[in-house]
Amino acid sequence: MGSDPKVRAGAVDVVRHWQDLGYLIIYVTGRPDMQKQRVVAWLAQHNFPHGIVSFCDGLVHDPLRHKANFLKSLITDLHMRIHAAYGSTKDISVYSSISIPPTHIYIVGRPTKKLQSQCQ
């Protein structure tokens, strides 16, 4: 949104680790598709591995629902298994709704005490 977000220390290494193990990398964002070029360029500029990038179709009122529906479609329609999911505390409900166990949900930053049992 006009700024260049900082890359968290170790973030690229974590994604590369999964890629090196042979996993398909999928970046899911609630950002509108009009930001696609900017986001994909940012990922490349910061050396994130190539992967599928999912955006919302235009502006949406509930980006978390979009994320959940996209991931559900991967599981249901394409029979994919999601091995690990990373995000912010807002994403815990998304990942829980598609039955990712708390041991496979990794949150950047410190979750509140209430959410500690739902993620790593």
Protein backbone atom coordinates (compact mmCIF):
# COMPACT_ATOMS: atom_id res chain seq x y z
CA MET A 1 0.00 0.00 0.00
CA GLY A 2 2.69 2.47 -0.99
CA SER A 3 5.37 1.24 1.40
CA ASP A 4 8.02 -1.42 1.11
CA PRO A 5 7.39 -3.88 3.95
CA LYS A 6 10.45 -5.29 5.63
CA VAL A 7 11.28 -8.96 5.19
CA ARG A 8 11.25 -10.82 8.50
CA ALA A 9 14.61 -12.36 9.41
CA GLY A 10 14.72 -15.96 8.24
CA ALA A 11 11.53 -15.76 6.18
CA VAL A 12 13.19 -16.48 2.84
CA ASP A 13 15.20 -19.32 4.40
CA VAL A 14 12.04 -20.95 5.74
CA VAL A 15 10.30 -20.83 2.35
CA ARG A 16 13.41 -22.14 0.60
CA HIS A 17 13.61 -24.98 3.13
CA TRP A 18 10.11 -26.17 2.15
CA GLN A 19 10.90 -25.73 -1.54
CA ASP A 20 14.11 -27.76 -1.16
CA LEU A 21 12.07 -30.55 0.42
CA GLY A 22 9.96 -30.63 -2.75
CA TYR A 23 6.83 -28.86 -1.50
CA LEU A 24 4.77 -26.57 -3.72
CA ILE A 25 4.91 -23.02 -2.36
CA ILE A 26 1.61 -21.14 -2.32
CA TYR A 27 1.38 -17.51 -1.26
CA VAL A 28 -2.19 -16.55 -0.29
CA THR A 29 -3.02 -12.91 0.22
CA GLY A 30 -6.14 -10.90 0.86
CA ARG A 31 -4.76 -8.15 -1.35
CA PRO A 32 -6.72 -7.26 -4.48
CA ASP A 33 -5.54 -8.61 -7.83
CA MET A 34 -4.76 -5.07 -8.98
CA GLN A 35 -1.65 -5.31 -6.76
CA LYS A 36 -0.45 -8.52 -8.39
CA GLN A 37 2.47 -7.02 -10.30
CA ARG A 38 3.71 -5.10 -7.27
CA VAL A 39 3.47 -8.10 -4.89
CA VAL A 40 5.09 -10.57 -7.29
CA ALA A 41 7.90 -8.07 -7.96
CA TRP A 42 8.39 -7.61 -4.20
CA LEU A 43 8.66 -11.38 -3.66
CA ALA A 44 11.24 -11.64 -6.47
CA GLN A 45 13.18 -8.58 -5.28
CA HIS A 46 13.55 -10.17 -1.85
CA ASN A 47 14.55 -13.58 -3.28
CA PHE A 48 11.48 -15.53 -2.21
CA PRO A 49 11.16 -18.78 -4.18
CA HIS A 50 8.70 -18.95 -7.05
CA GLY A 51 5.28 -20.26 -6.19
CA ILE A 52 1.59 -19.87 -6.84
CA VAL A 53 0.24 -16.50 -5.70
CA SER A 54 -3.48 -16.12 -4.91
CA PHE A 55 -5.15 -12.71 -4.82
CA CYS A 56 -8.70 -11.53 -4.21
CA ASP A 57 -10.78 -10.62 -7.24
CA GLY A 58 -10.88 -6.86 -6.75
CA LEU A 59 -11.63 -5.35 -3.35
CA VAL A 60 -13.38 -7.69 -0.92
CA HIS A 61 -14.94 -7.06 2.47
CA ASP A 62 -13.73 -10.32 4.00
CA PRO A 63 -10.21 -11.24 2.83
CA LEU A 64 -9.93 -13.98 5.47
CA ARG A 65 -12.95 -15.74 3.99
CA HIS A 66 -11.33 -15.45 0.56
CA LYS A 67 -8.17 -17.11 1.90
CA ALA A 68 -10.17 -19.92 3.55
CA ASN A 69 -12.25 -20.54 0.43
CA PHE A 70 -9.18 -20.62 -1.81
CA LEU A 71 -7.42 -23.12 0.46
CA LYS A 72 -10.60 -25.22 0.78
CA SER A 73 -10.81 -25.40 -3.01
CA LEU A 74 -7.21 -26.65 -3.19
CA ILE A 75 -8.02 -29.39 -0.70
CA THR A 76 -11.43 -30.35 -2.11
CA ASP A 77 -11.01 -29.85 -5.85
CA LEU A 78 -7.32 -30.64 -6.29
CA HIS A 79 -6.90 -33.08 -3.39
CA MET A 80 -3.92 -31.13 -2.06
CA ARG A 81 -2.68 -31.58 1.47
CA ILE A 82 -1.41 -28.48 3.21
CA HIS A 83 1.59 -29.43 5.28
CA ALA A 84 2.40 -26.12 6.98
CA ALA A 85 0.81 -22.70 7.06
CA TYR A 86 2.42 -19.40 8.01
CA GLY A 87 0.83 -16.05 8.73
CA SER A 88 -0.22 -13.55 11.34
CA THR A 89 -2.56 -14.17 14.26
CA LYS A 90 -5.46 -13.19 11.98
CA ASP A 91 -4.72 -16.25 9.85
CA ILE A 92 -5.10 -18.77 12.70
CA SER A 93 -8.88 -18.92 12.20
CA VAL A 94 -8.40 -19.45 8.45
CA TYR A 95 -6.01 -22.34 8.93
CA SER A 96 -8.05 -23.90 11.73
CA SER A 97 -11.19 -23.76 9.57
CA ILE A 98 -9.52 -26.06 7.03
CA SER A 99 -8.37 -28.50 9.70
CA ILE A 100 -4.68 -27.67 9.79
CA PRO A 101 -3.51 -28.86 13.21
CA PRO A 102 -2.01 -26.25 15.57
CA THR A 103 1.37 -27.99 15.31
CA HIS A 104 1.47 -27.04 11.61
CA ILE A 105 0.32 -23.41 11.97
CA TYR A 106 3.25 -21.02 12.35
CA ILE A 107 2.58 -17.44 13.35
CA VAL A 108 4.94 -14.54 12.89
CA GLY A 109 5.18 -12.59 16.11
CA ARG A 110 3.79 -13.45 19.51
CA PRO A 111 0.25 -14.81 19.68
CA THR A 112 -1.92 -13.75 22.61
CA LYS A 113 -2.27 -16.19 25.50
CA LYS A 114 -5.71 -17.07 24.17
CA LEU A 115 -4.25 -18.16 20.80
CA GLN A 116 -1.04 -19.86 22.03
CA SER A 117 -2.57 -23.34 22.00
CA GLN A 118 -3.77 -22.87 18.41
CA CYS A 119 -0.40 -22.28 16.75
CA GLN A 120 3.40 -22.40 16.95
